[in-house]
Protein backbone atom coordinates (compact mmCIF):
# COMPACT_ATOMS: atom_id res chain seq x y z
CA MET A 1 -81.72 166.04 124.84
CA ALA A 2 -83.45 165.60 128.21
CA LYS A 3 -80.73 167.66 129.83
CA THR A 4 -81.24 170.49 127.36
CA ASN A 5 -85.02 170.48 127.88
CA ASN A 6 -84.57 170.64 131.67
CA HIS A 7 -82.15 173.52 131.20
CA PHE A 8 -84.70 175.52 129.19
CA ARG A 9 -87.48 174.73 131.67
CA ARG A 10 -85.39 176.04 134.54
CA ARG A 11 -84.73 179.29 132.70
CA LEU A 12 -88.44 179.98 132.13
CA THR A 13 -89.26 182.50 134.85
CA ALA A 14 -92.53 184.00 136.02
CA PHE A 15 -91.66 187.18 134.13
CA ASP A 16 -91.29 185.18 130.90
CA ILE A 17 -94.74 183.65 131.40
CA LEU A 18 -96.30 187.06 132.09
CA LEU A 19 -94.58 188.43 129.00
CA MET A 20 -95.96 185.64 126.82
CA VAL A 21 -99.45 186.12 128.24
CA PHE A 22 -99.22 189.87 127.63
CA PHE A 23 -98.19 189.44 124.00
CA CYS A 24 -100.86 186.80 123.43
CA LEU A 25 -103.49 189.24 124.72
CA LEU A 26 -101.98 191.98 122.56
CA MET A 27 -102.18 189.69 119.53
CA VAL A 28 -105.86 188.95 120.22
CA ILE A 29 -106.64 192.65 120.64
CA THR A 30 -104.87 193.39 117.37
CA VAL A 31 -106.27 190.53 115.27
CA TYR A 32 -109.85 190.35 116.54
CA PRO A 33 -111.14 193.61 114.94
CA PHE A 34 -110.16 192.30 111.50
CA TRP A 35 -111.59 188.88 112.33
CA HIS A 36 -114.82 190.54 113.48
CA CYS A 37 -115.10 192.40 110.17
CA THR A 38 -114.38 189.26 108.16
CA VAL A 39 -116.89 187.06 109.99
CA GLY A 40 -119.47 189.84 110.09
CA SER A 41 -119.24 190.25 106.32
CA LEU A 42 -119.79 186.51 105.76
CA ILE A 43 -122.93 186.00 107.89
CA SER A 44 -126.52 187.13 107.69
CA TYR A 45 -127.60 190.33 109.40
CA THR A 46 -129.84 188.36 111.79
CA GLU A 47 -126.92 186.29 113.02
CA TYR A 48 -124.75 189.39 113.23
CA MET A 49 -127.25 191.13 115.53
CA GLN A 50 -127.73 188.04 117.70
CA LYS A 51 -124.05 187.56 118.52
CA THR A 52 -121.97 189.95 120.58
CA VAL A 53 -118.65 188.22 119.91
CA LEU A 54 -118.12 186.82 116.42
CA LEU A 55 -115.84 183.80 116.47
CA TRP A 56 -117.08 181.68 113.57
CA PRO A 57 -119.98 182.00 111.11
CA SER A 58 -122.80 179.49 111.48
CA GLU A 59 -123.57 179.80 107.79
CA ILE A 60 -121.33 181.52 105.28
CA THR A 61 -122.85 183.81 102.66
CA PHE A 62 -121.06 185.98 100.09
CA SER A 63 -124.11 188.07 99.27
CA SER A 64 -122.62 191.27 100.72
CA TYR A 65 -119.46 190.90 98.59
CA ALA A 66 -121.53 190.16 95.49
CA PHE A 67 -123.59 193.29 96.17
CA VAL A 68 -120.52 195.48 96.67
CA LEU A 69 -118.84 194.26 93.48
CA LYS A 70 -122.08 194.51 91.50
CA GLN A 71 -122.57 198.10 92.66
CA GLY A 72 -119.06 198.92 91.46
CA LYS A 73 -118.64 202.06 93.59
CA ILE A 74 -115.44 200.71 95.12
CA ILE A 75 -113.76 200.08 91.77
CA HIS A 76 -112.50 203.62 91.02
CA PRO A 77 -111.17 204.27 94.56
CA MET A 78 -109.50 200.85 94.51
CA ILE A 79 -107.82 201.52 91.16
CA THR A 80 -106.67 204.97 92.30
CA THR A 81 -105.26 203.59 95.54
CA VAL A 82 -103.44 200.74 93.80
CA ILE A 83 -101.90 203.16 91.29
CA ILE A 84 -100.68 205.69 93.88
CA THR A 85 -99.42 202.89 96.14
CA CYS A 86 -97.35 201.22 93.42
CA MET A 87 -96.17 204.44 91.81
CA GLY A 88 -95.61 206.29 95.08
CA THR A 89 -93.74 203.45 96.76
CA VAL A 90 -91.28 203.10 93.87
CA PHE A 91 -90.64 206.84 93.50
CA THR A 92 -90.49 207.58 97.22
CA LEU A 93 -88.21 204.64 97.94
CA PHE A 94 -85.86 205.67 95.14
CA CYS A 95 -85.74 209.37 96.04
CA THR A 96 -85.52 208.77 99.79
CA SER A 97 -82.76 206.16 99.54
CA PHE A 98 -80.85 208.22 96.97
CA MET A 99 -80.95 211.29 99.23
CA ALA A 100 -80.06 209.20 102.28
CA TYR A 101 -76.97 207.84 100.52
CA GLY A 102 -75.80 211.35 99.64
CA MET A 103 -76.41 212.63 103.17
CA SER A 104 -74.49 209.71 104.68
CA LYS A 105 -71.28 211.16 103.24
CA LYS A 106 -69.10 213.76 104.96
CA TYR A 107 -68.52 216.98 103.02
CA PRO A 108 -68.38 220.71 103.86
CA GLY A 109 -71.76 221.82 105.14
CA SER A 110 -73.18 218.29 105.49
CA ALA A 111 -74.14 218.85 109.13
CA VAL A 112 -76.04 222.03 108.25
CA ILE A 113 -77.90 220.32 105.41
CA THR A 114 -78.81 217.41 107.66
CA SER A 115 -80.14 219.78 110.32
CA VAL A 116 -82.27 221.66 107.77
CA VAL A 117 -83.72 218.40 106.43
CA VAL A 118 -84.49 217.06 109.91
CA LEU A 119 -86.15 220.38 110.77
CA THR A 120 -88.86 219.64 108.19
CA MET A 121 -90.13 216.90 110.52
CA PHE A 122 -91.14 219.52 113.08
CA ILE A 123 -92.06 222.60 111.02
CA ASP A 124 -95.12 222.62 108.79
CA ALA A 125 -96.48 225.67 106.95
CA GLY A 126 -100.06 224.47 107.44
CA MET A 127 -102.99 223.42 105.31
CA ILE A 128 -103.82 226.75 103.63
CA PRO A 129 -100.29 227.52 102.35
CA ARG A 130 -100.05 223.92 101.20
CA TYR A 131 -103.36 224.22 99.36
CA LEU A 132 -102.21 227.44 97.63
CA LEU A 133 -98.95 225.78 96.65
CA TYR A 134 -100.73 222.75 95.19
CA ARG A 135 -103.10 225.06 93.33
CA ASP A 136 -100.24 227.03 91.77
CA LEU A 137 -98.48 223.79 90.82
CA LYS A 138 -101.70 222.51 89.17
CA LEU A 139 -101.81 219.50 91.50
CA LEU A 140 -105.42 219.88 92.66
CA ASN A 141 -107.59 217.08 91.25
CA ASN A 142 -104.44 215.49 89.88
CA ILE A 143 -103.23 212.02 90.78
CA TRP A 144 -99.71 213.43 91.26
CA VAL A 145 -100.90 215.31 94.35
CA TYR A 146 -100.66 211.99 96.19
CA VAL A 147 -97.09 211.27 95.07
CA LEU A 148 -95.00 214.40 94.44
CA PRO A 149 -95.32 216.02 97.91
CA ALA A 150 -94.19 212.75 99.53
CA LEU A 151 -91.23 211.86 97.32
CA VAL A 152 -88.80 212.18 100.25
CA ASN A 153 -89.82 211.00 103.71
CA THR A 154 -87.51 212.51 106.33
CA TYR A 155 -88.04 209.80 108.94
CA TYR A 156 -87.28 206.96 106.51
CA MET A 157 -84.38 208.97 105.12
CA ILE A 158 -82.81 209.12 108.59
CA ILE A 159 -83.16 205.33 108.99
CA LEU A 160 -81.52 204.68 105.61
CA ARG A 161 -78.87 207.34 106.21
CA THR A 162 -77.86 205.62 109.45
CA ASN A 163 -77.68 202.33 107.58
CA TYR A 164 -75.57 203.76 104.73
CA ALA A 165 -73.24 205.54 107.16
CA SER A 166 -72.32 202.17 108.68
CA PHE A 167 -71.62 200.63 105.27
CA PRO A 168 -67.99 199.37 104.96
CA HIS A 169 -66.03 202.10 103.18
CA GLU A 170 -63.42 199.54 102.12
CA MET A 171 -65.92 198.03 99.67
CA GLU A 172 -66.56 201.43 98.12
CA GLU A 173 -62.84 202.13 97.83
CA ALA A 174 -62.27 198.73 96.20
CA ALA A 175 -65.03 199.47 93.69
CA ARG A 176 -63.48 202.87 92.88
CA ILE A 177 -60.09 201.21 92.29
CA ASP A 178 -61.85 198.86 89.84
CA GLY A 179 -63.17 201.89 87.96
CA ALA A 180 -66.72 202.19 89.34
CA GLY A 181 -68.19 205.66 89.71
CA GLU A 182 -70.52 206.91 92.45
CA TYR A 183 -73.64 205.79 90.59
CA GLY A 184 -72.14 202.38 89.90
CA ILE A 185 -71.23 201.93 93.56
CA TYR A 186 -74.69 202.97 94.66
CA PHE A 187 -76.70 200.81 92.25
CA ARG A 188 -74.42 197.76 92.02
CA ILE A 189 -73.04 197.48 95.56
CA VAL A 190 -74.86 199.59 98.13
CA LEU A 191 -78.46 198.89 97.10
CA PRO A 192 -78.13 195.09 96.72
CA LEU A 193 -76.47 194.82 100.13
CA ASN A 194 -79.17 196.89 101.84
CA VAL A 195 -82.25 195.01 100.64
CA PRO A 196 -83.59 194.33 104.19
CA ALA A 197 -83.64 198.03 105.11
CA LEU A 198 -85.09 199.01 101.72
CA ALA A 199 -87.78 196.33 101.95
CA THR A 200 -88.78 197.53 105.41
CA VAL A 201 -88.99 201.17 104.36
CA GLY A 202 -90.81 200.12 101.20
CA LEU A 203 -93.43 198.28 103.25
CA PHE A 204 -94.01 201.27 105.54
CA THR A 205 -94.23 203.56 102.52
CA ALA A 206 -96.72 201.31 100.74
CA VAL A 207 -98.96 201.12 103.82
CA GLY A 208 -98.81 204.91 104.11
CA TYR A 209 -99.91 205.40 100.51
CA TRP A 210 -102.61 202.74 100.85
CA ASN A 211 -104.07 204.58 103.85
CA THR A 212 -104.03 207.99 102.17
CA TYR A 213 -107.05 209.93 103.40
CA GLU A 214 -106.44 213.63 104.13
CA THR A 215 -105.01 214.41 100.71
CA SER A 216 -108.09 212.94 99.07
CA VAL A 217 -110.42 214.93 101.32
CA TYR A 218 -108.74 218.35 101.04
CA TYR A 219 -107.20 218.44 97.58
CA VAL A 220 -109.32 216.15 95.39
CA THR A 221 -112.97 216.66 94.45
CA ASN A 222 -113.04 214.39 91.40
CA TYR A 223 -114.67 211.12 92.50
CA ASP A 224 -112.62 209.11 90.00
CA LEU A 225 -109.46 210.20 91.86
CA LYS A 226 -110.72 209.59 95.40
CA THR A 227 -108.79 207.07 97.49
CA LEU A 228 -110.10 203.93 99.14
CA GLN A 229 -109.97 205.32 102.67
CA ASP A 230 -111.95 208.40 101.66
CA TYR A 231 -114.52 206.17 99.98
CA LEU A 232 -114.81 204.00 103.10
CA TYR A 233 -115.45 207.04 105.27
CA LEU A 234 -118.13 208.37 102.93
CA MET A 235 -119.73 204.94 102.63
CA ILE A 236 -119.81 204.33 106.39
CA SER A 237 -121.10 207.81 107.19
CA ASN A 238 -123.84 207.59 104.54
CA VAL A 239 -125.20 204.24 105.71
CA GLY A 240 -124.40 204.67 109.39
CA SER A 241 -127.94 205.86 110.18
CA GLU A 242 -129.44 202.94 108.23
CA SER A 243 -127.65 200.05 109.89
CA ASN A 244 -130.91 198.27 110.69
CA ASN A 245 -132.38 198.63 107.19
CA ALA A 246 -132.08 196.48 104.10
CA ILE A 247 -130.46 198.40 101.27
CA GLY A 248 -130.50 195.84 98.48
CA THR A 249 -130.57 192.24 97.37
CA SER A 250 -127.98 189.87 96.00
CA GLY A 251 -129.53 186.79 94.48
CA ASN A 252 -132.12 185.54 96.93
CA ALA A 253 -130.44 187.15 99.94
CA THR A 254 -131.28 190.51 101.46
CA VAL A 255 -128.24 192.69 102.10
CA PHE A 256 -128.15 195.07 105.06
CA SER A 257 -125.99 198.16 105.38
CA GLU A 258 -123.98 196.69 108.25
CA ASN A 259 -122.92 193.76 106.05
CA ILE A 260 -121.99 196.20 103.30
CA LYS A 261 -119.78 198.27 105.61
CA LEU A 262 -117.91 195.19 106.83
CA ALA A 263 -117.50 193.76 103.33
CA ASN A 264 -116.08 197.05 102.02
CA THR A 265 -113.70 197.21 104.97
CA VAL A 266 -112.39 193.70 104.34
CA ILE A 267 -111.94 194.39 100.62
CA ALA A 268 -109.93 197.50 101.51
CA ILE A 269 -107.68 195.68 104.00
CA VAL A 270 -106.90 192.39 102.27
CA PRO A 271 -104.76 193.64 99.32
CA ILE A 272 -102.20 195.47 101.48
CA LEU A 273 -102.30 192.62 104.01
CA LEU A 274 -101.13 190.21 101.32
CA VAL A 275 -97.91 192.21 100.91
CA TYR A 276 -96.64 191.42 104.42
CA PRO A 277 -95.66 187.74 103.85
CA PHE A 278 -93.33 188.73 101.01
CA VAL A 279 -91.30 191.17 103.13
CA GLN A 280 -91.61 189.45 106.50
CA LYS A 281 -88.13 187.89 106.28
CA TYR A 282 -86.61 191.36 105.81
CA PHE A 283 -88.76 193.21 108.31
CA THR A 284 -87.01 192.66 111.66
CA LYS A 285 -83.51 192.65 110.23
CA GLY A 286 -84.10 195.78 108.19
CA ILE A 287 -85.53 197.94 110.94
CA MET A 288 -82.88 196.86 113.45
CA ILE A 289 -80.06 197.64 111.01
CA GLY A 290 -81.40 201.11 110.36
CA ALA A 291 -81.99 201.82 114.03
CA LEU A 292 -78.88 200.43 115.72
CA LYS A 293 -75.92 200.60 113.37
CA GLY A 294 -73.67 203.62 113.48
């Protein structure tokens, strides 16, 4: 054991140490903004203004969260965002993976079709033609405007296509000999064996739907169908000029606008953050399979 430890110590170079320090600093830079919001939402406004760097609250108070939930303005955007995230992730993952499986096969004209699909990543008609199209399709002020235009994501389709193209064809041939059709092969063999890649793409898709902003701003005017990110922007911009003023009370505590902004931000981040632990074991494996195989 001592020999092994000495061996590892000898292999630890100055570059390795610099790399670890760099990633530790990167982790702090990444995590601290969320930590700042969390601590800032749990302390009084006086303490918030006195401290430049928020590491730990001197006294925890949930008055800002109580005020936000009592107001109830975040409820409709939260419900809308949860619905489009769940619904959109399922539909997009199904349509994207289904298309990727078909495009992973070789057939006459497959290269042309692939080129046309990839071209959509670089060519966009623009906002006005898109708005006219959504209007003619009756998608304006409709919850389906968040889901239908994004049913197939070209970038994720390419990742899954690369993964499916490297799938052992012998397994598919064996399934066909046993009497399985194309749908049976896809649903019973291909999908179960590609869970890591599907989980990774599903996570990226869910985060994308959760952070939907532009669609809510340009194509939805009904407040009940606004997304969480749009609500956060409106809330922050409305109280931004009043950050030093009390805007309400919760129990015996006075709630300031700065506390409200931070509390709303934390409420918007936490739900999607809780998804990561469930797909973490698939994350690295899934993205590497899609990127390197084939």
